[in-house]
Amino acid sequence: MAARAKTVRKKVVSGRKKSAGKKSTGSGSVLAACKKKLALLNIELEVYREIGGLAVTKKNLKSVLGRLMDYALSALEADSGTLYILDAGTRELDFAVVKGSLAPKLKGARMSIRKGIAGRVAVTGVPYVTEDLRRDPLWAGVELTRERSNMIAVPLRAKKKVYGVIEVLNKADERPFTKEDLAALSSLTNHFSIIIERANLFAGIDARVRQMKTLNEVGALLTSSLDQTVVRRRAMEAITRLMNAETGSLLLIDKKTDELFFEVALGDKGETLKEIRLKMGEGIAGWVASTGAPLVIHDVMKDKRFQGRFDKKSKFQTRNMVCVPVEIKGSRIGVIQAINKVGGSFNNDDLKLFQLFASQVAIALDNARLYEEIKETFYNTSEALAEAIEKRDPYTGGHTKRVLWYSLAIARHMGMTKDQLEKVKLSAVLHDVGKIGIEDAILRKQAPLDENERAVMSMHPKYGGEILKRVPQLADIVPGMLHHHERYDGLGYPDKLKEDAIPLIARIIAVADTYDAMTTTRPYRKGLPTEVALAELRKYANIQFDGGVVEAFLRAFDAGEMSGVPSADDTHLSGREA
């Protein structure tokens, strides 16, 4: 009995020892788990401290994400990792941050969202864990250096939107990733997603501010000129800034041929592009012009409407594009394109902005067109008036045309601007308008004028001035017309002005008018030979004429620009365009 009790006591003691051993082992596991959880909490706390007050922008985004990736690798005791950012436009994953031995091979690369484990996670939004990458059918990465590599991949998601994917590879000592690792990485990715979302928000706000600023600048630029060529070029210059594109182009519809042609194209190949024409419906631009539907194309090479021959001719590579119609009062006049967005692809927000801009361009072009029509009507009216005066004197037929031609040639050789050339043009057309006040007996006389008749004839500049002063818009034209009979030495009329006191346009018309008078045959004398007339101009330079104007005339003559002068039978006076 005593022996049996002793045995029982041994079993009990032995059982207590075993139980105590089990309790000791269980306590150790719990303690290790607590320590790991505490370490993860400390890492998360460090992340909070790091990003809490950080202003994240597109410029420093990858640097910040790189620091967060270091925390993630530390938390999961892994040696490699990749953070992908999803490009919603191209549907590609950008290798934004790469850590570990694979970094040199992968940094800066891009991958289709349809490929690999990262693509699967980005599309499904479901985490993915694999214990052997080498044998995983979804692995589409580079050749692995380890015999056995494991990986955990988690989507970067905020407000149900996937911004990218984070992959962590190679847990220490080839241990497998656990549920706790998945939970820890998922918790950390919340911070990654917040950072990316914040950067996108700031970038979006910054982009909108810049876009609105550019739109305001564009509006001011477009309304600052009524020259259609200037309006078109300024519009395209603004588009490259507004859309952050490599180049922009404006294609207008030629109503006569039913074709599109490149009126303006910016960039290194712009001049080549201007030579290209395409039929309505041909190519992307032709399709938009034909249908009136706007387009955003992320990869033009995959679009059947894209005409590769245009790139071949221009030596320009088109990757992506946004193209919208330009319409004025319900009438389609062309299309505008923004080509190759810098650092990405165009999206629907870009399309809306581009359509808004197209409306501004259309209004500006229409205003410029109306101005051109009004201006042309005014020129035609002025020319008709000048022609009517010339009809009174058949022996001076074509005089106004020739004076205009010579005057513009002189002005170009004096380096005048386009606006100045316009004033020269009108002044030359109207320089003899005052002859409408001279009676026919004097104007049509077939013999030299006597002293009294010359005095009457010398009144025609004043008569012209009085007529034109009734039109306020011609105030800048009056001086050139009024003083074209002044002499450089001060002996001319009507005001005996001298040297630089004579308006420059008047000095130009004086040389052109005198040369034509010398070389034109009249009823009472034969016109002088060209060489004799040129010698007279040289002789009286700085006496009757401005020497600088005479030199410009002679340069134009030597360049052959005084030949091809319109004949007296021409009905349009404008000659060569100003």
Protein backbone atom coordinates (compact mmCIF):
# COMPACT_ATOMS: atom_id res chain seq x y z
CA MET A 1 0.00 0.00 0.00
CA ALA A 2 2.81 2.31 0.98
CA ALA A 3 4.66 1.37 -2.19
CA ARG A 4 1.57 2.15 -4.33
CA ALA A 5 1.17 5.60 -2.70
CA LYS A 6 4.79 6.38 -3.41
CA THR A 7 4.28 5.54 -7.10
CA VAL A 8 1.23 7.73 -7.30
CA ARG A 9 3.09 10.64 -5.70
CA LYS A 10 5.89 10.24 -8.28
CA LYS A 11 3.37 10.33 -11.13
CA VAL A 12 1.74 13.39 -9.69
CA VAL A 13 5.07 15.13 -9.21
CA SER A 14 6.13 14.05 -12.67
CA GLY A 15 2.87 15.36 -14.13
CA ARG A 16 3.30 18.67 -12.38
CA LYS A 17 6.81 18.99 -13.83
CA LYS A 18 5.53 18.27 -17.36
CA SER A 19 2.68 20.70 -16.94
CA ALA A 20 5.06 23.34 -15.69
CA GLY A 21 7.26 22.71 -18.76
CA LYS A 22 4.34 23.14 -21.15
CA LYS A 23 3.28 26.31 -19.41
CA SER A 24 6.81 27.68 -19.72
CA THR A 25 6.93 26.94 -23.47
CA GLY A 26 3.50 28.56 -24.08
CA SER A 27 4.50 31.67 -22.18
CA GLY A 28 7.63 31.98 -24.34
CA SER A 29 5.60 31.89 -27.59
CA VAL A 30 3.19 34.50 -26.34
CA LEU A 31 6.07 36.70 -25.27
CA ALA A 32 7.75 36.39 -28.67
CA ALA A 33 4.50 37.27 -30.45
CA CYS A 34 4.03 40.26 -28.18
CA LYS A 35 7.56 41.43 -28.89
CA LYS A 36 6.99 41.09 -32.64
CA LYS A 37 3.69 42.94 -32.44
CA LEU A 38 5.36 45.65 -30.38
CA ALA A 39 8.14 45.93 -32.97
CA LEU A 40 5.54 46.29 -35.73
CA LEU A 41 3.71 48.93 -33.73
CA ASN A 42 6.99 50.79 -33.24
CA ILE A 43 7.62 50.64 -36.99
CA GLU A 44 4.12 51.94 -37.70
CA LEU A 45 4.67 54.69 -35.15
CA GLU A 46 7.89 55.64 -36.96
CA VAL A 47 5.96 55.74 -40.21
CA TYR A 48 3.37 58.05 -38.64
CA ARG A 49 6.12 60.32 -37.38
CA GLU A 50 7.83 60.37 -40.75
CA ILE A 51 4.82 61.14 -42.91
CA GLY A 52 2.56 62.98 -40.47
CA GLY A 53 3.47 66.54 -41.39
CA LEU A 54 5.24 65.78 -44.66
CA ALA A 55 4.20 67.73 -47.74
CA VAL A 56 4.31 65.09 -50.46
CA THR A 57 4.57 66.18 -54.08
CA LYS A 58 5.18 64.40 -57.36
CA LYS A 59 8.83 65.46 -57.11
CA ASN A 60 9.55 63.85 -53.74
CA LEU A 61 6.98 61.02 -53.93
CA LYS A 62 9.42 58.26 -54.91
CA SER A 63 11.90 59.35 -52.25
CA VAL A 64 9.20 59.18 -49.55
CA LEU A 65 7.95 55.83 -50.81
CA GLY A 66 11.52 54.54 -50.75
CA ARG A 67 11.77 55.33 -47.03
CA LEU A 68 8.44 53.60 -46.39
CA MET A 69 9.63 50.55 -48.31
CA ASP A 70 12.60 50.33 -45.94
CA TYR A 71 10.16 50.18 -43.03
CA ALA A 72 8.14 47.46 -44.76
CA LEU A 73 11.21 45.30 -45.38
CA SER A 74 12.28 45.75 -41.78
CA ALA A 75 8.83 44.84 -40.47
CA LEU A 76 8.66 41.62 -42.52
CA GLU A 77 12.38 40.77 -42.13
CA ALA A 78 12.79 40.59 -45.92
CA ASP A 79 15.67 41.66 -48.15
CA SER A 80 13.96 42.77 -51.39
CA GLY A 81 10.86 44.58 -52.52
CA THR A 82 9.17 46.47 -55.34
CA LEU A 83 6.56 49.20 -55.22
CA TYR A 84 4.55 49.70 -58.40
CA ILE A 85 2.45 52.77 -59.15
CA LEU A 86 -0.46 52.24 -61.55
CA ASP A 87 -0.62 54.55 -64.58
CA ALA A 88 -4.36 54.69 -65.16
CA GLY A 89 -3.89 56.15 -68.63
CA THR A 90 -1.64 53.47 -70.10
CA ARG A 91 -2.80 50.69 -67.74
CA GLU A 92 0.83 50.00 -66.90
CA LEU A 93 2.65 49.44 -63.61
CA ASP A 94 5.62 51.73 -63.03
CA PHE A 95 8.48 50.24 -61.00
CA ALA A 96 8.57 53.34 -58.76
CA VAL A 97 10.71 51.88 -55.93
CA VAL A 98 12.92 48.78 -56.13
CA LYS A 99 14.98 47.51 -53.19
CA GLY A 100 17.50 44.66 -53.07
CA SER A 101 19.65 42.85 -55.59
CA LEU A 102 17.09 43.24 -58.38
CA ALA A 103 17.06 47.05 -58.19
CA PRO A 104 19.60 47.72 -61.00
CA LYS A 105 17.61 45.55 -63.42
CA LEU A 106 14.13 46.81 -62.60
CA LYS A 107 14.32 50.44 -61.51
CA GLY A 108 12.45 52.68 -63.95
CA ALA A 109 10.87 49.78 -65.85
CA ARG A 110 7.18 49.48 -66.72
CA MET A 111 4.94 46.44 -67.03
CA SER A 112 1.47 45.85 -68.44
CA ILE A 113 -1.27 45.43 -65.84
CA ARG A 114 -2.17 42.20 -67.63
CA LYS A 115 1.14 40.53 -66.71
CA GLY A 116 2.66 38.96 -63.63
CA ILE A 117 1.69 38.66 -59.99
CA ALA A 118 1.64 42.44 -59.55
CA GLY A 119 -0.76 42.74 -62.47
CA ARG A 120 -3.06 40.11 -60.96
CA VAL A 121 -3.10 41.92 -57.61
CA ALA A 122 -3.70 45.33 -59.26
CA VAL A 123 -6.64 43.99 -61.29
CA THR A 124 -8.29 41.88 -58.57
CA GLY A 125 -7.33 43.93 -55.52
CA VAL A 126 -6.62 40.63 -53.69
CA PRO A 127 -3.27 39.96 -51.90
CA TYR A 128 -1.10 37.12 -53.21
CA VAL A 129 1.39 34.90 -51.34
CA THR A 130 3.74 32.39 -52.97
CA GLU A 131 6.33 30.17 -51.33
CA ASP A 132 8.30 29.39 -54.49
CA LEU A 133 8.50 32.15 -57.10
CA ARG A 134 10.61 30.12 -59.49
CA ARG A 135 7.77 27.62 -59.95
CA ASP A 136 4.89 30.10 -59.76
CA PRO A 137 3.13 30.30 -63.16
CA LEU A 138 2.29 33.99 -62.63
CA TRP A 139 5.89 35.11 -62.06
CA ALA A 140 6.96 37.35 -64.94
CA GLY A 141 9.99 38.99 -63.37
CA VAL A 142 13.72 38.72 -63.97
CA GLU A 143 15.77 35.60 -63.41
CA LEU A 144 15.96 34.88 -59.68
CA THR A 145 19.33 34.59 -57.95
CA ARG A 146 18.11 32.36 -55.13
CA GLU A 147 17.26 28.71 -55.47
CA ARG A 148 14.06 29.31 -53.53
CA SER A 149 12.38 32.71 -53.22
CA ASN A 150 9.08 33.52 -51.58
CA MET A 151 6.96 36.62 -51.91
CA ILE A 152 3.96 38.46 -50.60
CA ALA A 153 2.09 41.04 -52.72
CA VAL A 154 -0.54 43.47 -51.49
CA PRO A 155 -2.57 46.12 -53.38
CA LEU A 156 -2.12 49.81 -52.53
CA ARG A 157 -5.71 50.87 -52.14
CA ALA A 158 -7.60 53.85 -50.75
CA LYS A 159 -11.34 54.52 -50.99
CA LYS A 160 -11.79 51.38 -53.10
CA LYS A 161 -9.32 52.67 -55.69
CA VAL A 162 -6.12 50.74 -56.46
CA TYR A 163 -3.09 53.04 -56.81
CA GLY A 164 -0.47 50.32 -57.16
CA VAL A 165 1.03 47.16 -55.68
CA ILE A 166 3.78 46.39 -53.18
CA GLU A 167 5.77 43.16 -53.37
CA VAL A 168 8.09 41.92 -50.60
CA LEU A 169 10.50 39.05 -51.34
CA ASN A 170 12.77 36.67 -49.49
CA LYS A 171 11.92 36.46 -45.79
CA ALA A 172 14.98 35.93 -43.60
CA ASP A 173 16.28 32.35 -43.18
CA GLU A 174 13.94 31.24 -45.98
CA ARG A 175 11.04 31.23 -43.55
CA PRO A 176 7.56 31.39 -45.09
CA PHE A 177 5.42 34.50 -44.92
CA THR A 178 2.66 34.20 -42.34
CA LYS A 179 -0.83 35.59 -41.84
CA GLU A 180 0.70 38.02 -39.39
CA ASP A 181 3.10 39.22 -42.12
CA LEU A 182 0.17 39.71 -44.47
CA ALA A 183 -1.72 41.70 -41.82
CA ALA A 184 1.36 43.80 -41.04
CA LEU A 185 2.06 44.59 -44.70
CA SER A 186 -1.61 45.37 -45.34
CA SER A 187 -1.55 47.80 -42.42
CA LEU A 188 1.59 49.51 -43.74
CA THR A 189 0.19 49.75 -47.27
CA ASN A 190 -2.56 51.97 -45.93
CA HIS A 191 0.14 54.57 -45.31
CA PHE A 192 1.60 54.03 -48.79
CA SER A 193 -1.84 54.52 -50.33
CA ILE A 194 -2.48 57.66 -48.31
CA ILE A 195 0.88 59.08 -49.41
CA ILE A 196 0.16 58.36 -53.08
CA GLU A 197 -3.38 59.69 -52.81
CA ARG A 198 -2.10 62.85 -51.14
CA ALA A 199 0.57 63.33 -53.81
CA ASN A 200 -2.01 62.83 -56.56
CA LEU A 201 -4.35 65.30 -54.88
CA PHE A 202 -1.67 67.96 -54.56
CA ALA A 203 -0.49 67.28 -58.10
CA GLY A 204 -4.05 67.52 -59.38
CA ILE A 205 -4.65 70.82 -57.60
CA ASP A 206 -1.32 72.18 -58.79
CA ALA A 207 -2.03 71.05 -62.34
CA ARG A 208 -5.49 72.65 -62.34
CA VAL A 209 -4.09 75.92 -61.00
CA ARG A 210 -1.42 75.92 -63.70
CA GLN A 211 -3.96 74.99 -66.35
CA MET A 212 -6.35 77.76 -65.35
CA LYS A 213 -3.46 80.21 -65.30
CA THR A 214 -2.39 79.06 -68.75
CA LEU A 215 -5.96 79.31 -70.03
CA ASN A 216 -6.16 82.90 -68.78
CA GLU A 217 -2.82 83.69 -70.45
CA VAL A 218 -4.00 82.01 -73.64
CA GLY A 219 -7.20 84.04 -73.63
CA ALA A 220 -5.21 87.24 -73.31
CA LEU A 221 -2.82 86.15 -76.07
CA LEU A 222 -5.55 85.10 -78.45
CA THR A 223 -7.42 88.39 -78.07
CA SER A 224 -4.27 90.48 -78.34
CA SER A 225 -3.98 89.87 -82.08
CA LEU A 226 -6.43 89.75 -84.97
CA ASP A 227 -3.88 88.22 -87.32
CA GLN A 228 -5.04 84.65 -88.06
CA THR A 229 -1.51 83.32 -88.44
CA VAL A 230 -0.45 84.82 -85.12
CA VAL A 231 -3.58 83.52 -83.39
CA ARG A 232 -2.98 80.00 -84.67
CA ARG A 233 0.67 79.89 -83.69
CA ARG A 234 0.05 81.35 -80.25
CA ALA A 235 -2.72 78.83 -79.69
CA MET A 236 -0.44 75.91 -80.46
CA GLU A 237 2.37 77.31 -78.33
CA ALA A 238 -0.10 77.46 -75.45
CA ILE A 239 -1.30 73.90 -76.09
CA THR A 240 2.15 72.40 -75.58
CA ARG A 241 2.26 74.11 -72.18
CA LEU A 242 -1.35 73.55 -71.24
CA MET A 243 -1.41 69.86 -72.15
CA ASN A 244 2.22 69.18 -71.19
CA ALA A 245 2.73 67.76 -74.68
CA GLU A 246 5.77 67.43 -76.91
CA THR A 247 4.02 69.09 -79.81
CA GLY A 248 0.68 70.40 -80.97
CA SER A 249 -0.87 70.92 -84.37
CA LEU A 250 -3.79 72.64 -86.03
CA LEU A 251 -5.28 71.06 -89.13
CA LEU A 252 -7.71 73.14 -91.15
CA ILE A 253 -10.32 71.90 -93.60
CA ASP A 254 -9.82 72.97 -97.21
CA LYS A 255 -13.44 73.30 -98.35
CA LYS A 256 -12.45 73.28 -102.03
CA THR A 257 -10.60 69.96 -101.96
CA ASP A 258 -12.32 68.42 -98.92
CA GLU A 259 -8.90 67.83 -97.38
CA LEU A 260 -7.16 68.53 -94.11
CA PHE A 261 -3.82 70.31 -94.15
CA PHE A 262 -1.35 71.21 -91.43
CA GLU A 263 -1.63 74.99 -91.14
CA VAL A 264 0.45 75.12 -87.95
CA ALA A 265 2.58 72.41 -86.38
CA LEU A 266 5.00 73.06 -83.53
CA GLY A 267 8.16 71.17 -82.69
CA ASP A 268 11.30 70.29 -84.60
CA LYS A 269 9.29 68.71 -87.45
CA GLY A 270 6.70 71.46 -87.71
CA GLU A 271 7.82 72.74 -91.10
CA THR A 272 7.72 69.24 -92.57
CA LEU A 273 4.27 68.57 -91.16
CA LYS A 274 2.92 71.68 -92.88
CA GLU A 275 3.46 69.97 -96.24
CA ILE A 276 1.16 67.05 -95.40
CA ARG A 277 -2.44 66.84 -96.57
CA LEU A 278 -4.95 64.10 -95.88
CA LYS A 279 -8.47 63.37 -96.99
CA MET A 280 -11.48 63.74 -94.72
CA GLY A 281 -11.86 60.52 -92.77
CA GLU A 282 -8.23 59.57 -93.30
CA GLY A 283 -6.10 59.07 -90.21
CA ILE A 284 -7.06 60.01 -86.66
CA ALA A 285 -7.36 63.72 -87.44
CA GLY A 286 -9.39 63.00 -90.56
CA TRP A 287 -11.73 60.75 -88.59
CA VAL A 288 -12.31 63.45 -85.95
CA ALA A 289 -12.82 66.09 -88.66
CA SER A 290 -15.32 63.85 -90.44
CA THR A 291 -17.32 62.67 -87.40
CA GLY A 292 -16.88 65.59 -85.01
CA ALA A 293 -16.17 63.14 -82.18
CA PRO A 294 -13.19 63.86 -79.87
CA LEU A 295 -10.61 61.16 -79.17
CA VAL A 296 -8.05 60.21 -76.52
CA ILE A 297 -5.66 57.54 -77.76
CA HIS A 298 -3.15 56.03 -75.33
CA ASP A 299 -1.21 54.04 -77.95
CA VAL A 300 -1.62 55.21 -81.54
CA MET A 301 0.23 52.17 -82.89
CA LYS A 302 -2.70 50.03 -81.78
CA ASP A 303 -5.28 52.29 -83.40
CA LYS A 304 -6.29 51.24 -86.92
CA ARG A 305 -7.02 54.86 -87.87
CA PHE A 306 -3.43 55.92 -87.30
CA GLN A 307 -1.51 56.70 -90.51
CA GLY A 308 2.13 55.72 -89.92
CA ARG A 309 3.24 57.24 -93.23
CA PHE A 310 2.86 60.73 -91.79
CA ASP A 311 5.34 59.93 -89.02
CA LYS A 312 7.65 58.46 -91.63
CA LYS A 313 7.55 61.62 -93.71
CA SER A 314 8.02 63.97 -90.77
CA LYS A 315 10.58 61.77 -88.94
CA PHE A 316 8.47 62.24 -85.82
CA GLN A 317 7.30 59.39 -83.58
CA THR A 318 3.74 59.71 -82.31
CA ARG A 319 2.98 57.69 -79.17
CA ASN A 320 -0.27 59.05 -77.76
CA MET A 321 -2.67 61.79 -78.68
CA VAL A 322 -5.76 63.81 -77.83
CA CYS A 323 -7.64 65.22 -80.82
CA VAL A 324 -10.77 67.41 -80.83
CA PRO A 325 -12.74 69.25 -83.52
CA VAL A 326 -12.62 73.04 -83.90
CA GLU A 327 -16.09 74.37 -84.65
CA ILE A 328 -17.36 77.89 -85.27
CA LYS A 329 -21.09 78.59 -85.12
CA GLY A 330 -21.94 74.98 -85.88
CA SER A 331 -19.47 74.77 -88.76
CA ARG A 332 -16.43 72.49 -88.41
CA ILE A 333 -13.28 74.25 -89.66
CA GLY A 334 -10.61 71.79 -88.51
CA VAL A 335 -9.12 69.86 -85.60
CA ILE A 336 -6.42 70.44 -83.02
CA GLN A 337 -4.12 67.79 -81.62
CA ALA A 338 -1.87 67.50 -78.60
CA ILE A 339 0.73 64.80 -79.22
CA ASN A 340 2.90 62.78 -76.83
CA LYS A 341 2.15 63.82 -73.26
CA VAL A 342 5.39 64.28 -71.37
CA GLY A 343 5.83 61.58 -68.73
CA GLY A 344 2.58 59.71 -69.37
CA SER A 345 -0.58 59.56 -71.42
CA PHE A 346 -3.63 61.80 -71.86
CA ASN A 347 -6.81 61.16 -69.87
CA ASN A 348 -10.44 62.29 -69.90
CA ASP A 349 -9.61 65.37 -67.82
CA ASP A 350 -7.13 66.37 -70.52
CA LEU A 351 -9.85 65.85 -73.12
CA LYS A 352 -12.28 68.17 -71.32
CA LEU A 353 -9.60 70.82 -70.96
CA PHE A 354 -8.68 70.49 -74.64
CA GLN A 355 -12.30 70.86 -75.72
CA LEU A 356 -12.57 74.04 -73.65
CA PHE A 357 -9.44 75.36 -75.30
CA ALA A 358 -10.71 74.40 -78.76
CA SER A 359 -13.74 76.62 -78.14
CA GLN A 360 -11.44 79.54 -77.29
CA VAL A 361 -9.37 78.92 -80.41
CA ALA A 362 -12.51 78.76 -82.54
CA ILE A 363 -13.78 82.11 -81.22
CA ALA A 364 -10.37 83.76 -81.68
CA LEU A 365 -10.03 82.40 -85.23
CA ASP A 366 -13.53 83.59 -86.10
CA ASN A 367 -12.78 87.07 -84.76
CA ALA A 368 -9.56 87.17 -86.77
CA ARG A 369 -11.40 85.97 -89.88
CA LEU A 370 -14.06 88.66 -89.51
CA TYR A 371 -11.37 91.28 -89.02
CA GLU A 372 -9.57 90.07 -92.15
CA GLU A 373 -12.79 90.27 -94.12
CA ILE A 374 -13.52 93.80 -92.89
CA LYS A 375 -9.95 94.85 -93.62
CA GLU A 376 -10.06 93.32 -97.08
CA THR A 377 -13.37 95.07 -97.77
CA PHE A 378 -11.78 98.36 -96.71
CA TYR A 379 -8.73 97.76 -98.94
CA ASN A 380 -10.98 96.91 -101.86
CA THR A 381 -12.98 100.09 -101.27
CA SER A 382 -9.81 102.17 -101.10
CA GLU A 383 -8.48 100.56 -104.26
CA ALA A 384 -11.78 101.14 -106.04
CA LEU A 385 -11.59 104.83 -105.06
CA ALA A 386 -8.02 105.09 -106.34
CA GLU A 387 -9.00 103.35 -109.58
CA ALA A 388 -11.94 105.70 -110.03
CA ILE A 389 -9.58 108.69 -109.79
CA GLU A 390 -7.17 107.12 -112.27
CA LYS A 391 -10.00 106.62 -114.77
CA ARG A 392 -10.22 110.41 -115.01
CA ASP A 393 -6.65 110.48 -116.36
CA PRO A 394 -6.05 107.61 -118.81
CA TYR A 395 -2.39 108.60 -119.24
CA THR A 396 -1.56 107.76 -115.61
CA GLY A 397 -3.28 104.36 -115.64
CA GLY A 398 -1.53 101.86 -113.34
CA HIS A 399 0.37 104.61 -111.50
CA THR A 400 -1.10 103.74 -108.09
CA LYS A 401 -0.33 100.04 -108.61
CA ARG A 402 3.29 100.75 -109.43
CA VAL A 403 3.80 103.24 -106.58
CA LEU A 404 2.37 100.66 -104.19
CA TRP A 405 4.68 97.95 -105.55
CA TYR A 406 7.78 100.13 -105.33
CA SER A 407 6.86 101.46 -101.87
CA LEU A 408 6.42 98.00 -100.38
CA ALA A 409 9.72 96.82 -101.88
CA ILE A 410 11.52 99.81 -100.34
CA ALA A 411 9.83 99.31 -96.97
CA ARG A 412 10.81 95.63 -96.84
CA HIS A 413 14.43 96.51 -97.54
CA MET A 414 14.27 99.03 -94.71
CA GLY A 415 13.26 96.27 -92.31
CA MET A 416 9.76 97.48 -91.58
CA THR A 417 7.42 95.34 -89.50
CA LYS A 418 4.21 93.78 -90.79
CA ASP A 419 2.11 96.49 -89.13
CA GLN A 420 4.27 99.20 -90.69
CA LEU A 421 3.97 97.54 -94.09
CA GLU A 422 0.19 97.64 -93.74
CA LYS A 423 0.38 101.42 -93.22
CA VAL A 424 2.71 101.80 -96.21
CA LYS A 425 0.26 99.80 -98.30
CA LEU A 426 -2.76 101.94 -97.47
CA SER A 427 -0.81 105.21 -97.70
CA ALA A 428 0.47 104.29 -101.15
CA VAL A 429 -2.97 103.23 -102.37
CA LEU A 430 -4.50 106.51 -101.21
CA HIS A 431 -1.57 108.86 -101.87
CA ASP A 432 -3.35 110.60 -104.78
CA VAL A 433 -6.90 110.46 -103.43
CA GLY A 434 -6.91 114.28 -103.18
CA LYS A 435 -6.86 114.54 -106.98
CA ILE A 436 -10.59 113.98 -106.81
CA GLY A 437 -10.73 117.70 -106.00
CA ILE A 438 -8.73 118.75 -109.10
CA GLU A 439 -10.74 119.81 -112.14
CA ASP A 440 -10.47 117.74 -115.34
CA ALA A 441 -9.03 120.61 -117.35
CA ILE A 442 -5.87 120.44 -115.24
CA LEU A 443 -5.84 116.73 -114.44
CA ARG A 444 -6.33 115.63 -118.08
CA LYS A 445 -4.22 118.36 -119.73
CA GLN A 446 -2.00 116.91 -122.45
CA ALA A 447 0.72 119.54 -122.07
CA PRO A 448 2.97 120.71 -119.23
CA LEU A 449 1.12 122.65 -116.51
CA ASP A 450 1.69 126.40 -116.18
CA GLU A 451 2.55 128.05 -112.87
CA ASN A 452 -1.05 128.60 -111.80
CA GLU A 453 -2.06 125.08 -112.75
CA ARG A 454 0.88 123.65 -110.80
CA ALA A 455 -0.28 125.64 -107.76
CA VAL A 456 -3.74 124.11 -108.07
CA MET A 457 -2.31 120.61 -108.57
CA SER A 458 -0.10 121.04 -105.47
CA MET A 459 -3.26 121.27 -103.40
CA HIS A 460 -4.17 117.61 -103.94
CA PRO A 461 -2.28 116.35 -100.82
CA LYS A 462 -4.27 118.79 -98.65
CA TYR A 463 -7.52 117.78 -100.30
CA GLY A 464 -6.65 114.15 -99.59
CA GLY A 465 -5.86 114.96 -95.96
CA GLU A 466 -9.19 116.69 -95.52
CA ILE A 467 -11.01 113.67 -96.99
CA LEU A 468 -9.21 111.06 -94.90
CA LYS A 469 -9.45 113.02 -91.66
CA ARG A 470 -13.17 112.33 -91.74
CA VAL A 471 -12.33 108.66 -91.07
CA PRO A 472 -10.77 108.38 -87.57
CA GLN A 473 -9.47 104.87 -88.31
CA LEU A 474 -7.21 106.34 -91.03
CA ALA A 475 -5.41 108.78 -88.73
CA ASP A 476 -2.14 106.84 -89.12
CA ILE A 477 -2.47 106.90 -92.92
CA VAL A 478 -2.88 110.68 -93.34
CA PRO A 479 0.79 111.72 -92.70
CA GLY A 480 2.21 109.46 -95.42
CA MET A 481 -0.35 110.62 -97.95
CA LEU A 482 -0.27 114.33 -96.94
CA HIS A 483 3.51 114.78 -97.11
CA HIS A 484 4.62 112.62 -100.03
CA HIS A 485 5.53 115.78 -102.04
CA GLU A 486 7.78 117.26 -99.34
CA ARG A 487 11.49 117.47 -100.19
CA TYR A 488 14.38 116.39 -97.97
CA ASP A 489 15.88 119.90 -98.29
CA GLY A 490 12.63 121.58 -97.16
CA LEU A 491 11.58 122.99 -100.56
CA GLY A 492 8.58 120.73 -101.09
CA TYR A 493 4.87 121.11 -100.31
CA PRO A 494 2.41 121.50 -98.65
CA ASP A 495 4.25 122.33 -95.38
CA LYS A 496 7.92 122.62 -96.48
CA LEU A 497 8.96 119.95 -93.94
CA LYS A 498 12.63 119.02 -93.88
CA GLU A 499 14.63 115.80 -93.36
CA ASP A 500 13.35 113.63 -90.49
CA ALA A 501 10.43 115.98 -89.88
CA ILE A 502 8.93 114.38 -92.99
CA PRO A 503 7.14 111.12 -92.00
CA LEU A 504 9.14 108.07 -93.11
CA ILE A 505 6.25 106.60 -95.11
CA ALA A 506 5.94 109.91 -96.99
CA ARG A 507 9.69 109.80 -97.80
CA ILE A 508 9.25 106.25 -99.15
CA ILE A 509 6.26 107.18 -101.33
CA ALA A 510 8.16 110.26 -102.60
CA VAL A 511 10.92 108.07 -104.10
CA ALA A 512 8.46 105.51 -105.51
CA ASP A 513 6.18 108.25 -106.94
CA THR A 514 9.03 110.19 -108.56
CA TYR A 515 10.64 107.06 -110.09
CA ASP A 516 7.32 106.08 -111.67
CA ALA A 517 6.72 109.63 -112.93
CA MET A 518 10.21 109.69 -114.55
CA THR A 519 9.87 106.30 -116.26
CA THR A 520 6.25 106.70 -117.47
CA THR A 521 5.48 108.22 -120.88
CA ARG A 522 3.10 111.19 -120.87
CA PRO A 523 1.41 112.93 -123.86
CA TYR A 524 3.94 115.77 -123.71
CA ARG A 525 7.13 113.70 -123.07
CA LYS A 526 8.58 110.24 -123.33
CA GLY A 527 9.48 108.27 -120.19
CA LEU A 528 13.17 108.20 -119.16
CA PRO A 529 15.23 105.03 -119.54
CA THR A 530 15.63 103.06 -116.31
CA GLU A 531 19.35 103.83 -115.92
CA VAL A 532 18.76 107.56 -116.33
CA ALA A 533 15.97 107.48 -113.70
CA LEU A 534 18.21 105.59 -111.28
CA ALA A 535 21.00 108.12 -111.86
CA GLU A 536 18.55 110.93 -111.01
CA LEU A 537 17.64 109.26 -107.73
CA ARG A 538 21.33 108.91 -106.81
CA LYS A 539 22.00 112.51 -107.83
CA TYR A 540 19.25 113.98 -105.65
CA ALA A 541 19.72 111.68 -102.64
CA ASN A 542 19.85 113.79 -99.44
CA ILE A 543 18.66 116.81 -101.50
CA GLN A 544 15.19 116.01 -102.80
CA PHE A 545 15.03 112.49 -101.37
CA ASP A 546 16.04 110.73 -98.16
CA GLY A 547 19.37 109.05 -98.96
CA GLY A 548 18.50 105.97 -96.88
CA VAL A 549 15.27 105.49 -98.80
CA VAL A 550 17.10 105.80 -102.13
CA GLU A 551 19.62 103.16 -101.02
CA ALA A 552 16.76 100.81 -100.08
CA PHE A 553 15.17 101.40 -103.50
CA LEU A 554 18.45 100.56 -105.24
CA ARG A 555 18.89 97.37 -103.17
CA ALA A 556 15.38 96.28 -104.08
CA PHE A 557 16.09 97.08 -107.74
CA ASP A 558 19.33 95.06 -107.72
CA ALA A 559 17.44 92.16 -106.09
CA GLY A 560 15.01 92.17 -109.02
CA GLU A 561 12.06 93.23 -106.88
CA MET A 562 11.10 96.13 -109.12
CA SER A 563 10.35 93.80 -111.99
CA GLY A 564 6.98 92.13 -112.41
CA VAL A 565 5.14 95.35 -111.53
CA PRO A 566 1.35 95.08 -112.12
CA SER A 567 0.25 96.46 -115.47
CA ALA A 568 -2.30 99.22 -115.97
CA ASP A 569 -4.91 96.58 -116.83
CA ASP A 570 -4.70 94.82 -113.45
CA THR A 571 -7.82 95.28 -111.39
CA HIS A 572 -6.32 94.66 -107.96
CA LEU A 573 -3.92 97.18 -106.51
CA SER A 574 -2.40 95.26 -103.65
CA GLY A 575 0.42 93.76 -105.71
CA ARG A 576 2.79 91.68 -103.61
CA GLU A 577 1.38 91.05 -100.15
CA ALA A 578 2.52 93.42 -97.44
